[in-house]
Amino acid sequence: MQGIRIPYQLRKTYSFPREDTLRIDYAVHNSSPFPFSFLWAAHPLFQIDEGIEIIVPDELTEIIVSYSANGRLGEPGEIRTWPQPWEESPHIRLNRTDSRFAATAEKFYFAGELPEGTVSIYDPVAGEGLRMMFPTEKVPYLAIWANYGGYQGQYHLALEPATGLLDDLSYAMDRQAAAEVPAGDTYTWYLEISWIDGRKKEVKSS
């Protein structure tokens, strides 16, 4: 893809390094004589059932609200705890998918840079899941989009590794939390999506 107003080129390359793994390599080239700041987030929509586990590094304990239908989690930019945002409402747990009839829809980012580039979903009923891996030196943030019927009546989940915070480039740049490509340079990163076989006991719940 070639930029129109800004002279950049985005390239994606798909490959299968292993039988159970899809790899997507990304490259943004800045052909201008000036630095180019940008924000990218993956947005794969996964088909889900109630009770799917969302597994992130143990060190992650806070989230920043990006969007919350009906304000259930609060306003954009507010901080909540993970995985239980409200102490007085222990039934609200963000690390497991809710019912399609919950009528909620939320997006949030984990606060701060990630300790490691991994996030997974796991279905304890089916005994299988998916793991996403990415380089934190290039993709240091992670967001979750959880739509349980609250947005256009749809039911899905997205795991969103990101190069910046809160889907807002100006917000990210103000906080030095946006990716930048120097003049004439190229910024590269990747995603690897692998199947998890629960019988191998590779998954630990948050």
Foldseek 3Di string as FASTA:
>chain_A
DADDVFGKDKDWDWDDPDPFKIKIKIKIFHQAQFKDWDKDKDWDWADDAWFKFKAADPVFFKKAWQDKQVQPLHDGGDMATAQQRDPVCNVRGNGTAHALPPLIKTKIKGPDFGPAFKMWIADPVVQKTKMKHKGCVQQGIWMKIAGSLNPPGDGTITIMGMQFPNPDRVVGVVVVRTDMAHHRGMRMMMMMMGMGRNVVVPDDGD
